[in-house]
Structure formats: structure tokens, C-alpha cells
Amino acid sequence: MSKKNISLGITGGIGSGKSYVCHILEQLQIPVFYTDIEAQHEMCENHEIHVALSNLLGEAAITSEGQLNKALISSYICRGDDYAARIDAIVHPQVRMKLRQWLSKQNSGIKAVECALLFESHFDTEVDKKILITAPLEVRIKRVMERDGKSRTEVLHWISLQMPEEQKMKLSDYIIINDGKSSIYEQVNHLLSII
């Protein structure tokens, strides 16, 4: 593995098991960059983002304590693709810059980037291979309901905001099935052996 120099984009819809696969990769000494965590960090700490969000959403976007009004931002994003795209246009360039910095510092032959919106955000252009983690719709719904305490309607709404699974499959180089039956470890090891 050390002779290789390849970056893997790990993506999948909500409840597909992206984080689980990434934890397996980390156990195999493959470093992982989590774009969602970095985006949250940037939204909380980056003054430029705070100014831009305030310009977009009004002063209520930032509380008097200087914290993000997460409820306001979340409700804005849930209004539809156009609204989410406006938030993304503010946050994604900052995350992309951090990702490039991170990739340039990695010594590992293989590194991974977890990104729920890999294709939607065009972060797929930052990695060499795209890997889709997929699971049956009902399995995903159940996982998210149990994990986040959301209703079925809320979960279906979040899923509707993401790129359809079939479209992601066409754009991906490899697919890992996380249906609770197929061995994830075997699939990950097979994938690493062929790349």
C-alpha cells in the first residue's frame, strides 16, 4: 500500500454507513478527512463564513454569543435545493481549501475523504476514486430514525434532498453494499486489494 498514492472519495446517502466504512479504513491505518466535521468546524469558527451567513440570512444567523443559529440555518436548507446551494456556496470553498491542505500533508499511500455530497459539491474532482456506500432504502430510514430520533417523514425529506442513489452509482468507481448481510470488512479489503 505504501507504494501507492491514491485518494478515495467515500460517499453515500444518509444512513448508508459511510462513517462505519471510514472507521474500518482508519483501523487499517488509512487517514480519513471528514468533510461534514470540517464544514461544521468552519461554520462555527470562520469569521468570513459568519459574515456571509449574516448577509444571507440576516443578523439572526449568529446569536448574541457569537454562535451559529443552527435551527435557522437548518430550516433554511430544508426549503429546497436552491437554498441549500446558497449555504454550500459559502461553506464549500473553505472546506475545499482545508481538504487540499490536508491531502498535501498526508504521507500515507492511500487516504480517504468522507463526503456525503461528494458529487453534488463537486468534491469528486479532488479525489482519484469514488466509492459509494449503499444500503436498501428501508434499512437507511430505520438507521436514521433510531440514530437521530427523527420521524419517517423527516428522514424521507432529508433523503429527497440528496442525489438519487441510481445517479450516484453511475458516477462511482466502486460500490460497497451495507445491507447488514454482506461483510463490510471483506468488501473493504477486496477493494483495497484491487486499487
N, C-alpha and C. Protein backbone atom coordinates (compact mmCIF):
# COMPACT_ATOMS: atom_id res chain seq x y z
N MET A 1 0.82 -1.21 0.00
CA MET A 1 0.00 0.00 0.00
C MET A 1 0.86 1.26 0.00
N SER A 2 2.03 1.20 0.61
CA SER A 2 2.84 2.40 0.75
C SER A 2 3.36 2.91 -0.60
N LYS A 3 3.39 2.01 -1.61
CA LYS A 3 3.88 2.42 -2.92
C LYS A 3 2.83 3.20 -3.70
N LYS A 4 1.61 3.06 -3.30
CA LYS A 4 0.53 3.75 -4.00
C LYS A 4 0.44 5.19 -3.52
N ASN A 5 -0.21 6.01 -4.30
CA ASN A 5 -0.52 7.37 -3.88
C ASN A 5 -1.88 7.69 -4.47
N ILE A 6 -2.90 7.35 -3.71
CA ILE A 6 -4.26 7.44 -4.24
C ILE A 6 -5.21 7.97 -3.16
N SER A 7 -6.17 8.77 -3.59
CA SER A 7 -7.17 9.30 -2.66
C SER A 7 -8.54 8.73 -3.03
N LEU A 8 -9.28 8.35 -2.01
CA LEU A 8 -10.59 7.74 -2.18
C LEU A 8 -11.68 8.66 -1.66
N GLY A 9 -12.68 8.92 -2.45
CA GLY A 9 -13.84 9.68 -2.01
C GLY A 9 -14.90 8.71 -1.54
N ILE A 10 -15.29 8.78 -0.27
CA ILE A 10 -16.29 7.87 0.30
C ILE A 10 -17.60 8.64 0.42
N THR A 11 -18.64 8.16 -0.27
CA THR A 11 -19.91 8.86 -0.23
C THR A 11 -21.07 7.88 -0.09
N GLY A 12 -22.24 8.41 0.06
CA GLY A 12 -23.44 7.59 0.22
C GLY A 12 -24.53 8.42 0.86
N GLY A 13 -25.75 8.00 0.67
CA GLY A 13 -26.88 8.74 1.24
C GLY A 13 -26.92 8.63 2.75
N ILE A 14 -27.75 9.44 3.37
CA ILE A 14 -27.90 9.43 4.82
C ILE A 14 -28.33 8.02 5.27
N GLY A 15 -27.64 7.52 6.30
CA GLY A 15 -27.95 6.20 6.83
C GLY A 15 -27.32 5.04 6.07
N SER A 16 -26.46 5.34 5.11
CA SER A 16 -25.85 4.26 4.31
C SER A 16 -24.70 3.57 5.04
N GLY A 17 -24.05 4.28 5.95
CA GLY A 17 -22.95 3.69 6.70
C GLY A 17 -21.58 4.18 6.29
N LYS A 18 -21.51 5.40 5.78
CA LYS A 18 -20.21 5.98 5.37
C LYS A 18 -19.22 6.02 6.53
N SER A 19 -19.68 6.49 7.66
CA SER A 19 -18.78 6.64 8.81
C SER A 19 -18.26 5.29 9.27
N TYR A 20 -19.09 4.27 9.22
CA TYR A 20 -18.68 2.92 9.62
C TYR A 20 -17.55 2.42 8.73
N VAL A 21 -17.70 2.61 7.43
CA VAL A 21 -16.67 2.20 6.48
C VAL A 21 -15.38 2.99 6.74
N CYS A 22 -15.52 4.28 7.02
CA CYS A 22 -14.35 5.12 7.27
C CYS A 22 -13.62 4.70 8.54
N HIS A 23 -14.37 4.26 9.55
CA HIS A 23 -13.72 3.78 10.78
C HIS A 23 -12.92 2.51 10.50
N ILE A 24 -13.43 1.66 9.60
CA ILE A 24 -12.68 0.46 9.21
C ILE A 24 -11.39 0.88 8.51
N LEU A 25 -11.47 1.86 7.63
CA LEU A 25 -10.28 2.34 6.93
C LEU A 25 -9.26 2.88 7.93
N GLU A 26 -9.74 3.61 8.94
CA GLU A 26 -8.83 4.15 9.96
C GLU A 26 -8.16 3.02 10.74
N GLN A 27 -8.89 1.94 11.01
CA GLN A 27 -8.31 0.79 11.69
C GLN A 27 -7.21 0.16 10.85
N LEU A 28 -7.31 0.34 9.53
CA LEU A 28 -6.30 -0.18 8.60
C LEU A 28 -5.20 0.85 8.34
N GLN A 29 -5.13 1.86 9.21
CA GLN A 29 -4.09 2.91 9.14
C GLN A 29 -4.22 3.81 7.92
N ILE A 30 -5.44 3.95 7.40
CA ILE A 30 -5.68 4.86 6.28
C ILE A 30 -6.30 6.14 6.86
N PRO A 31 -5.64 7.28 6.70
CA PRO A 31 -6.20 8.52 7.26
C PRO A 31 -7.46 8.95 6.51
N VAL A 32 -8.38 9.55 7.27
CA VAL A 32 -9.67 9.97 6.70
C VAL A 32 -9.94 11.43 7.03
N PHE A 33 -10.34 12.18 6.02
CA PHE A 33 -10.76 13.57 6.18
C PHE A 33 -12.29 13.58 6.13
N TYR A 34 -12.91 14.10 7.19
CA TYR A 34 -14.37 14.13 7.28
C TYR A 34 -14.87 15.53 6.89
N THR A 35 -15.43 15.64 5.69
CA THR A 35 -15.83 16.97 5.21
C THR A 35 -16.96 17.57 6.05
N ASP A 36 -17.90 16.73 6.52
CA ASP A 36 -19.00 17.27 7.32
C ASP A 36 -18.50 17.87 8.63
N ILE A 37 -17.55 17.17 9.26
CA ILE A 37 -16.98 17.68 10.52
C ILE A 37 -16.22 18.97 10.26
N GLU A 38 -15.45 18.99 9.16
CA GLU A 38 -14.69 20.20 8.82
C GLU A 38 -15.63 21.35 8.50
N ALA A 39 -16.75 21.06 7.81
CA ALA A 39 -17.73 22.10 7.47
C ALA A 39 -18.34 22.68 8.75
N GLN A 40 -18.66 21.80 9.70
CA GLN A 40 -19.23 22.27 10.97
C GLN A 40 -18.22 23.14 11.71
N HIS A 41 -16.96 22.71 11.69
CA HIS A 41 -15.91 23.49 12.35
C HIS A 41 -15.77 24.87 11.71
N GLU A 42 -15.74 24.89 10.38
CA GLU A 42 -15.60 26.15 9.66
C GLU A 42 -16.80 27.06 9.92
N MET A 43 -17.99 26.50 9.94
CA MET A 43 -19.19 27.30 10.18
C MET A 43 -19.20 27.89 11.59
N CYS A 44 -18.61 27.17 12.52
CA CYS A 44 -18.57 27.65 13.91
C CYS A 44 -17.45 28.66 14.14
N GLU A 45 -16.31 28.47 13.48
CA GLU A 45 -15.11 29.24 13.80
C GLU A 45 -14.71 30.30 12.77
N ASN A 46 -15.14 30.15 11.53
CA ASN A 46 -14.65 31.00 10.45
C ASN A 46 -15.43 32.32 10.37
N HIS A 47 -14.74 33.43 10.63
CA HIS A 47 -15.40 34.73 10.66
C HIS A 47 -15.97 35.12 9.28
N GLU A 48 -15.26 34.77 8.23
CA GLU A 48 -15.75 35.08 6.88
C GLU A 48 -17.08 34.41 6.61
N ILE A 49 -17.21 33.17 7.06
CA ILE A 49 -18.46 32.44 6.88
C ILE A 49 -19.57 33.09 7.70
N HIS A 50 -19.27 33.51 8.92
CA HIS A 50 -20.28 34.16 9.76
C HIS A 50 -20.81 35.42 9.09
N VAL A 51 -19.90 36.21 8.53
CA VAL A 51 -20.31 37.44 7.85
C VAL A 51 -21.20 37.11 6.65
N ALA A 52 -20.80 36.12 5.87
CA ALA A 52 -21.56 35.74 4.68
C ALA A 52 -22.94 35.19 5.04
N LEU A 53 -23.00 34.39 6.11
CA LEU A 53 -24.28 33.85 6.54
C LEU A 53 -25.20 34.95 7.07
N SER A 54 -24.64 35.91 7.76
CA SER A 54 -25.42 37.05 8.25
C SER A 54 -25.96 37.87 7.08
N ASN A 55 -25.15 38.04 6.04
CA ASN A 55 -25.60 38.77 4.86
C ASN A 55 -26.74 38.03 4.16
N LEU A 56 -26.68 36.70 4.19
CA LEU A 56 -27.69 35.88 3.52
C LEU A 56 -28.97 35.75 4.33
N LEU A 57 -28.82 35.49 5.63
CA LEU A 57 -29.97 35.16 6.47
C LEU A 57 -30.39 36.27 7.44
N GLY A 58 -29.57 37.30 7.53
CA GLY A 58 -29.87 38.36 8.49
C GLY A 58 -29.09 38.15 9.78
N GLU A 59 -29.17 39.12 10.66
CA GLU A 59 -28.38 39.08 11.90
C GLU A 59 -28.71 37.88 12.78
N ALA A 60 -29.92 37.32 12.62
CA ALA A 60 -30.34 36.18 13.45
C ALA A 60 -29.53 34.92 13.16
N ALA A 61 -28.75 34.93 12.07
CA ALA A 61 -27.94 33.75 11.73
C ALA A 61 -26.89 33.47 12.80
N ILE A 62 -26.45 34.52 13.48
CA ILE A 62 -25.45 34.39 14.55
C ILE A 62 -26.07 34.91 15.84
N THR A 63 -25.98 34.10 16.90
CA THR A 63 -26.58 34.50 18.17
C THR A 63 -25.75 35.60 18.83
N SER A 64 -26.29 36.18 19.88
CA SER A 64 -25.60 37.25 20.61
C SER A 64 -24.30 36.75 21.24
N GLU A 65 -24.21 35.40 21.43
CA GLU A 65 -22.99 34.80 21.99
C GLU A 65 -21.97 34.48 20.90
N GLY A 66 -22.31 34.83 19.66
CA GLY A 66 -21.40 34.58 18.55
C GLY A 66 -21.48 33.17 18.00
N GLN A 67 -22.53 32.44 18.37
CA GLN A 67 -22.71 31.06 17.91
C GLN A 67 -23.66 31.02 16.70
N LEU A 68 -23.55 29.95 15.91
CA LEU A 68 -24.46 29.77 14.79
C LEU A 68 -25.86 29.49 15.29
N ASN A 69 -26.84 30.05 14.60
CA ASN A 69 -28.24 29.71 14.85
C ASN A 69 -28.55 28.49 13.99
N LYS A 70 -28.23 27.32 14.52
CA LYS A 70 -28.32 26.09 13.74
C LYS A 70 -29.75 25.79 13.29
N ALA A 71 -30.72 26.11 14.13
CA ALA A 71 -32.11 25.85 13.78
C ALA A 71 -32.52 26.68 12.57
N LEU A 72 -32.11 27.93 12.55
CA LEU A 72 -32.44 28.83 11.43
C LEU A 72 -31.77 28.34 10.15
N ILE A 73 -30.50 27.98 10.25
CA ILE A 73 -29.76 27.53 9.07
C ILE A 73 -30.34 26.22 8.54
N SER A 74 -30.67 25.30 9.45
CA SER A 74 -31.24 24.01 9.06
C SER A 74 -32.58 24.18 8.36
N SER A 75 -33.43 25.05 8.91
CA SER A 75 -34.74 25.26 8.29
C SER A 75 -34.60 25.93 6.93
N TYR A 76 -33.59 26.78 6.78
CA TYR A 76 -33.34 27.44 5.50
C TYR A 76 -32.91 26.41 4.46
N ILE A 77 -32.00 25.52 4.84
CA ILE A 77 -31.51 24.48 3.92
C ILE A 77 -32.65 23.57 3.48
N CYS A 78 -33.56 23.26 4.42
CA CYS A 78 -34.65 22.32 4.13
C CYS A 78 -35.71 22.90 3.20
N ARG A 79 -35.59 24.16 2.86
CA ARG A 79 -36.57 24.77 1.97
C ARG A 79 -36.39 24.32 0.52
N GLY A 80 -35.24 23.73 0.22
CA GLY A 80 -35.04 23.21 -1.13
C GLY A 80 -33.62 23.34 -1.63
N ASP A 81 -33.39 22.80 -2.81
CA ASP A 81 -32.05 22.76 -3.39
C ASP A 81 -31.43 24.14 -3.55
N ASP A 82 -32.20 25.10 -4.01
CA ASP A 82 -31.66 26.43 -4.24
C ASP A 82 -31.16 27.06 -2.95
N TYR A 83 -31.88 26.82 -1.87
CA TYR A 83 -31.48 27.38 -0.57
C TYR A 83 -30.22 26.70 -0.05
N ALA A 84 -30.21 25.36 -0.16
CA ALA A 84 -29.03 24.62 0.28
C ALA A 84 -27.80 25.04 -0.53
N ALA A 85 -28.01 25.29 -1.82
CA ALA A 85 -26.89 25.68 -2.69
C ALA A 85 -26.28 27.01 -2.25
N ARG A 86 -27.09 27.92 -1.73
CA ARG A 86 -26.58 29.22 -1.27
C ARG A 86 -25.68 29.05 -0.05
N ILE A 87 -26.08 28.16 0.85
CA ILE A 87 -25.26 27.88 2.03
C ILE A 87 -23.97 27.19 1.59
N ASP A 88 -24.12 26.21 0.69
CA ASP A 88 -22.96 25.47 0.20
C ASP A 88 -21.94 26.39 -0.47
N ALA A 89 -22.43 27.37 -1.20
CA ALA A 89 -21.53 28.29 -1.91
C ALA A 89 -20.68 29.11 -0.93
N ILE A 90 -21.17 29.25 0.28
CA ILE A 90 -20.43 29.98 1.32
C ILE A 90 -19.43 29.06 2.01
N VAL A 91 -19.86 27.84 2.31
CA VAL A 91 -19.07 26.92 3.14
C VAL A 91 -18.08 26.07 2.34
N HIS A 92 -18.53 25.55 1.20
CA HIS A 92 -17.70 24.58 0.46
C HIS A 92 -16.33 25.09 0.04
N PRO A 93 -16.20 26.33 -0.42
CA PRO A 93 -14.84 26.77 -0.81
C PRO A 93 -13.84 26.72 0.34
N GLN A 94 -14.31 27.03 1.54
CA GLN A 94 -13.43 26.98 2.72
C GLN A 94 -13.04 25.54 3.04
N VAL A 95 -14.02 24.62 2.94
CA VAL A 95 -13.74 23.21 3.22
C VAL A 95 -12.82 22.63 2.15
N ARG A 96 -13.04 23.02 0.89
CA ARG A 96 -12.20 22.54 -0.20
C ARG A 96 -10.73 22.95 0.03
N MET A 97 -10.54 24.17 0.49
CA MET A 97 -9.19 24.66 0.77
C MET A 97 -8.54 23.82 1.88
N LYS A 98 -9.30 23.54 2.94
CA LYS A 98 -8.78 22.73 4.05
C LYS A 98 -8.47 21.30 3.58
N LEU A 99 -9.33 20.76 2.71
CA LEU A 99 -9.12 19.42 2.19
C LEU A 99 -7.82 19.35 1.39
N ARG A 100 -7.60 20.32 0.53
CA ARG A 100 -6.38 20.33 -0.28
C ARG A 100 -5.14 20.42 0.60
N GLN A 101 -5.23 21.24 1.64
CA GLN A 101 -4.11 21.35 2.57
C GLN A 101 -3.85 20.02 3.26
N TRP A 102 -4.93 19.37 3.68
CA TRP A 102 -4.83 18.08 4.38
C TRP A 102 -4.20 17.02 3.46
N LEU A 103 -4.71 16.92 2.23
CA LEU A 103 -4.20 15.93 1.28
C LEU A 103 -2.71 16.12 1.01
N SER A 104 -2.28 17.37 0.92
CA SER A 104 -0.88 17.66 0.61
C SER A 104 0.06 17.26 1.75
N LYS A 105 -0.49 17.14 2.96
CA LYS A 105 0.35 16.82 4.13
C LYS A 105 0.39 15.33 4.46
N GLN A 106 -0.45 14.53 3.78
CA GLN A 106 -0.54 13.11 4.11
C GLN A 106 0.61 12.31 3.51
N ASN A 107 1.21 11.46 4.32
CA ASN A 107 2.30 10.61 3.86
C ASN A 107 1.82 9.21 3.48
N SER A 108 0.60 8.89 3.84
CA SER A 108 0.05 7.57 3.56
C SER A 108 -0.19 7.39 2.06
N GLY A 109 0.10 6.19 1.56
CA GLY A 109 -0.11 5.92 0.14
C GLY A 109 -1.56 5.99 -0.26
N ILE A 110 -2.45 5.62 0.67
CA ILE A 110 -3.89 5.69 0.44
C ILE A 110 -4.49 6.60 1.50
N LYS A 111 -5.33 7.52 1.09
CA LYS A 111 -6.06 8.36 2.04
C LYS A 111 -7.50 8.46 1.56
N ALA A 112 -8.39 8.73 2.50
CA ALA A 112 -9.81 8.75 2.19
C ALA A 112 -10.45 10.07 2.60
N VAL A 113 -11.49 10.42 1.85
CA VAL A 113 -12.25 11.64 2.12
C VAL A 113 -13.72 11.26 2.23
N GLU A 114 -14.28 11.40 3.43
CA GLU A 114 -15.71 11.13 3.60
C GLU A 114 -16.49 12.38 3.21
N CYS A 115 -17.44 12.22 2.30
CA CYS A 115 -18.21 13.38 1.84
C CYS A 115 -19.58 12.94 1.38
N ALA A 116 -20.60 13.28 2.15
CA ALA A 116 -21.98 12.91 1.81
C ALA A 116 -22.39 13.49 0.46
N LEU A 117 -21.92 14.70 0.18
CA LEU A 117 -22.29 15.39 -1.06
C LEU A 117 -21.12 15.41 -2.04
N LEU A 118 -20.45 14.29 -2.16
CA LEU A 118 -19.24 14.21 -2.99
C LEU A 118 -19.49 14.72 -4.41
N PHE A 119 -20.57 14.27 -5.02
CA PHE A 119 -20.87 14.66 -6.39
C PHE A 119 -21.60 16.00 -6.47
N GLU A 120 -22.53 16.22 -5.55
CA GLU A 120 -23.30 17.46 -5.55
C GLU A 120 -22.39 18.68 -5.35
N SER A 121 -21.37 18.50 -4.50
CA SER A 121 -20.46 19.61 -4.18
C SER A 121 -19.26 19.66 -5.12
N HIS A 122 -19.18 18.69 -6.02
CA HIS A 122 -18.06 18.57 -6.97
C HIS A 122 -16.73 18.31 -6.26
N PHE A 123 -16.80 17.75 -5.06
CA PHE A 123 -15.59 17.35 -4.36
C PHE A 123 -15.01 16.09 -4.98
N ASP A 124 -15.77 15.44 -5.87
CA ASP A 124 -15.26 14.25 -6.56
C ASP A 124 -14.05 14.60 -7.43
N THR A 125 -13.92 15.88 -7.78
CA THR A 125 -12.77 16.31 -8.58
C THR A 125 -11.49 16.36 -7.75
N GLU A 126 -11.60 16.25 -6.44
CA GLU A 126 -10.45 16.32 -5.55
C GLU A 126 -9.86 14.95 -5.22
N VAL A 127 -10.54 13.87 -5.66
CA VAL A 127 -10.09 12.51 -5.32
C VAL A 127 -9.88 11.69 -6.58
N ASP A 128 -9.14 10.59 -6.42
CA ASP A 128 -8.83 9.73 -7.57
C ASP A 128 -9.93 8.72 -7.87
N LYS A 129 -10.50 8.13 -6.82
CA LYS A 129 -11.53 7.10 -6.99
C LYS A 129 -12.73 7.42 -6.12
N LYS A 130 -13.92 7.16 -6.66
CA LYS A 130 -15.15 7.43 -5.93
C LYS A 130 -15.79 6.11 -5.49
N ILE A 131 -16.08 6.02 -4.20
CA ILE A 131 -16.65 4.80 -3.63
C ILE A 131 -18.00 5.12 -3.01
N LEU A 132 -19.04 4.45 -3.47
CA LEU A 132 -20.39 4.65 -2.95
C LEU A 132 -20.72 3.56 -1.94
N ILE A 133 -21.14 3.98 -0.76
CA ILE A 133 -21.67 3.05 0.24
C ILE A 133 -23.19 3.09 0.08
N THR A 134 -23.77 1.93 -0.15
CA THR A 134 -25.21 1.90 -0.41
C THR A 134 -25.90 0.88 0.51
N ALA A 135 -27.17 1.13 0.76
CA ALA A 135 -27.98 0.23 1.59
C ALA A 135 -29.43 0.37 1.13
N PRO A 136 -30.25 -0.66 1.34
CA PRO A 136 -31.66 -0.56 0.96
C PRO A 136 -32.34 0.61 1.65
N LEU A 137 -33.27 1.23 0.97
CA LEU A 137 -33.93 2.44 1.49
C LEU A 137 -34.52 2.22 2.88
N GLU A 138 -35.23 1.12 3.08
CA GLU A 138 -35.88 0.90 4.38
C GLU A 138 -34.85 0.73 5.50
N VAL A 139 -33.72 0.13 5.17
CA VAL A 139 -32.63 -0.02 6.16
C VAL A 139 -32.10 1.35 6.54
N ARG A 140 -31.90 2.20 5.55
CA ARG A 140 -31.39 3.56 5.80
C ARG A 140 -32.37 4.35 6.66
N ILE A 141 -33.64 4.28 6.31
CA ILE A 141 -34.67 5.01 7.07
C ILE A 141 -34.66 4.58 8.53
N LYS A 142 -34.63 3.27 8.76
CA LYS A 142 -34.64 2.74 10.13
C LYS A 142 -33.42 3.21 10.91
N ARG A 143 -32.24 3.14 10.26
CA ARG A 143 -31.00 3.56 10.93
C ARG A 143 -31.06 5.01 11.38
N VAL A 144 -31.52 5.89 10.49
CA VAL A 144 -31.53 7.32 10.81
C VAL A 144 -32.59 7.63 11.86
N MET A 145 -33.74 6.97 11.78
CA MET A 145 -34.79 7.17 12.79
C MET A 145 -34.28 6.80 14.17
N GLU A 146 -33.56 5.67 14.25
CA GLU A 146 -33.03 5.20 15.54
C GLU A 146 -31.87 6.07 16.01
N ARG A 147 -31.01 6.46 15.07
CA ARG A 147 -29.81 7.23 15.42
C ARG A 147 -30.12 8.65 15.82
N ASP A 148 -30.99 9.31 15.05
CA ASP A 148 -31.24 10.74 15.24
C ASP A 148 -32.58 11.06 15.89
N GLY A 149 -33.38 10.05 16.15
CA GLY A 149 -34.69 10.28 16.76
C GLY A 149 -35.63 11.06 15.86
N LYS A 150 -35.48 10.86 14.55
CA LYS A 150 -36.32 11.56 13.58
C LYS A 150 -37.50 10.70 13.17
N SER A 151 -38.56 11.36 12.69
CA SER A 151 -39.71 10.62 12.18
C SER A 151 -39.41 10.10 10.79
N ARG A 152 -40.19 9.14 10.34
CA ARG A 152 -40.02 8.59 8.99
C ARG A 152 -40.17 9.70 7.95
N THR A 153 -41.12 10.58 8.15
CA THR A 153 -41.36 11.69 7.22
C THR A 153 -40.15 12.60 7.14
N GLU A 154 -39.54 12.91 8.30
CA GLU A 154 -38.35 13.78 8.32
C GLU A 154 -37.18 13.13 7.58
N VAL A 155 -37.00 11.83 7.81
CA VAL A 155 -35.89 11.12 7.16
C VAL A 155 -36.09 11.09 5.65
N LEU A 156 -37.31 10.80 5.22
CA LEU A 156 -37.60 10.76 3.78
C LEU A 156 -37.38 12.14 3.15
N HIS A 157 -37.67 13.18 3.89
CA HIS A 157 -37.44 14.53 3.38
C HIS A 157 -35.95 14.78 3.17
N TRP A 158 -35.13 14.40 4.16
CA TRP A 158 -33.68 14.56 4.04
C TRP A 158 -33.15 13.76 2.85
N ILE A 159 -33.66 12.53 2.70
CA ILE A 159 -33.22 11.69 1.58
C ILE A 159 -33.58 12.33 0.24
N SER A 160 -34.75 12.97 0.19
CA SER A 160 -35.21 13.59 -1.05
C SER A 160 -34.33 14.76 -1.48
N LEU A 161 -33.59 15.34 -0.53
CA LEU A 161 -32.73 16.47 -0.83
C LEU A 161 -31.39 16.03 -1.42
N GLN A 162 -31.10 14.73 -1.34
CA GLN A 162 -29.83 14.22 -1.83
C GLN A 162 -29.97 13.65 -3.24
N MET A 163 -28.85 13.57 -3.93
CA MET A 163 -28.83 13.00 -5.27
C MET A 163 -29.37 11.56 -5.22
N PRO A 164 -30.20 11.16 -6.19
CA PRO A 164 -30.73 9.79 -6.21
C PRO A 164 -29.61 8.74 -6.24
N GLU A 165 -29.85 7.63 -5.56
CA GLU A 165 -28.86 6.57 -5.44
C GLU A 165 -28.40 6.04 -6.81
N GLU A 166 -29.35 5.90 -7.73
CA GLU A 166 -29.02 5.37 -9.07
C GLU A 166 -28.02 6.28 -9.78
N GLN A 167 -28.18 7.57 -9.60
CA GLN A 167 -27.27 8.52 -10.24
C GLN A 167 -25.87 8.43 -9.64
N LYS A 168 -25.82 8.27 -8.30
CA LYS A 168 -24.52 8.14 -7.63
C LYS A 168 -23.81 6.87 -8.09
N MET A 169 -24.57 5.80 -8.31
CA MET A 169 -23.98 4.54 -8.75
C MET A 169 -23.27 4.70 -10.09
N LYS A 170 -23.88 5.46 -10.99
CA LYS A 170 -23.31 5.67 -12.32
C LYS A 170 -22.02 6.48 -12.25
N LEU A 171 -21.91 7.35 -11.25
CA LEU A 171 -20.74 8.22 -11.11
C LEU A 171 -19.61 7.61 -10.30
N SER A 172 -19.89 6.48 -9.63
CA SER A 172 -18.92 5.87 -8.72
C SER A 172 -18.05 4.84 -9.41
N ASP A 173 -16.82 4.70 -8.91
CA ASP A 173 -15.90 3.69 -9.43
C ASP A 173 -16.13 2.34 -8.76
N TYR A 174 -16.50 2.38 -7.48
CA TYR A 174 -16.73 1.15 -6.73
C TYR A 174 -17.96 1.33 -5.84
N ILE A 175 -18.61 0.19 -5.52
CA ILE A 175 -19.78 0.22 -4.66
C ILE A 175 -19.60 -0.79 -3.53
N ILE A 176 -19.87 -0.34 -2.30
CA ILE A 176 -19.86 -1.22 -1.13
C ILE A 176 -21.29 -1.32 -0.62
N ILE A 177 -21.78 -2.55 -0.46
CA ILE A 177 -23.16 -2.76 -0.02
C ILE A 177 -23.18 -2.97 1.49
N ASN A 178 -23.92 -2.12 2.18
CA ASN A 178 -24.01 -2.18 3.64
C ASN A 178 -25.46 -2.49 4.03
N ASP A 179 -25.86 -3.72 3.74
CA ASP A 179 -27.25 -4.12 3.98
C ASP A 179 -27.42 -4.94 5.26
N GLY A 180 -26.34 -5.08 6.03
CA GLY A 180 -26.42 -5.87 7.26
C GLY A 180 -26.21 -7.35 7.01
N LYS A 181 -26.04 -7.74 5.75
CA LYS A 181 -25.84 -9.15 5.40
C LYS A 181 -24.44 -9.36 4.82
N SER A 182 -24.06 -8.53 3.85
CA SER A 182 -22.75 -8.64 3.22
C SER A 182 -21.67 -8.13 4.17
N SER A 183 -20.53 -8.80 4.21
CA SER A 183 -19.44 -8.40 5.10
C SER A 183 -18.77 -7.12 4.59
N ILE A 184 -18.82 -6.08 5.41
CA ILE A 184 -18.19 -4.81 5.05
C ILE A 184 -16.66 -4.97 5.04
N TYR A 185 -16.13 -5.70 6.03
CA TYR A 185 -14.68 -5.90 6.10
C TYR A 185 -14.15 -6.57 4.84
N GLU A 186 -14.85 -7.60 4.39
CA GLU A 186 -14.42 -8.32 3.18
C GLU A 186 -14.47 -7.41 1.96
N GLN A 187 -15.52 -6.61 1.86
CA GLN A 187 -15.65 -5.71 0.72
C GLN A 187 -14.57 -4.64 0.73
N VAL A 188 -14.28 -4.10 1.91
CA VAL A 188 -13.25 -3.07 2.01
C VAL A 188 -11.88 -3.66 1.68
N ASN A 189 -11.58 -4.83 2.22
CA ASN A 189 -10.29 -5.48 1.94
C ASN A 189 -10.14 -5.82 0.47
N HIS A 190 -11.22 -6.29 -0.14
CA HIS A 190 -11.18 -6.60 -1.58
C HIS A 190 -10.93 -5.34 -2.37
N LEU A 191 -11.62 -4.27 -2.00
CA LEU A 191 -11.45 -3.00 -2.69
C LEU A 191 -10.01 -2.52 -2.60
N LEU A 192 -9.43 -2.58 -1.42
CA LEU A 192 -8.05 -2.12 -1.24
C LEU A 192 -7.07 -3.00 -2.02
N SER A 193 -7.41 -4.27 -2.16
CA SER A 193 -6.50 -5.17 -2.88
C SER A 193 -6.48 -4.89 -4.38
N ILE A 194 -7.59 -4.35 -4.90
CA ILE A 194 -7.64 -4.13 -6.35
C ILE A 194 -7.24 -2.71 -6.75
N ILE A 195 -7.17 -1.80 -5.79
CA ILE A 195 -6.72 -0.45 -6.15
C ILE A 195 -5.23 -0.31 -5.88
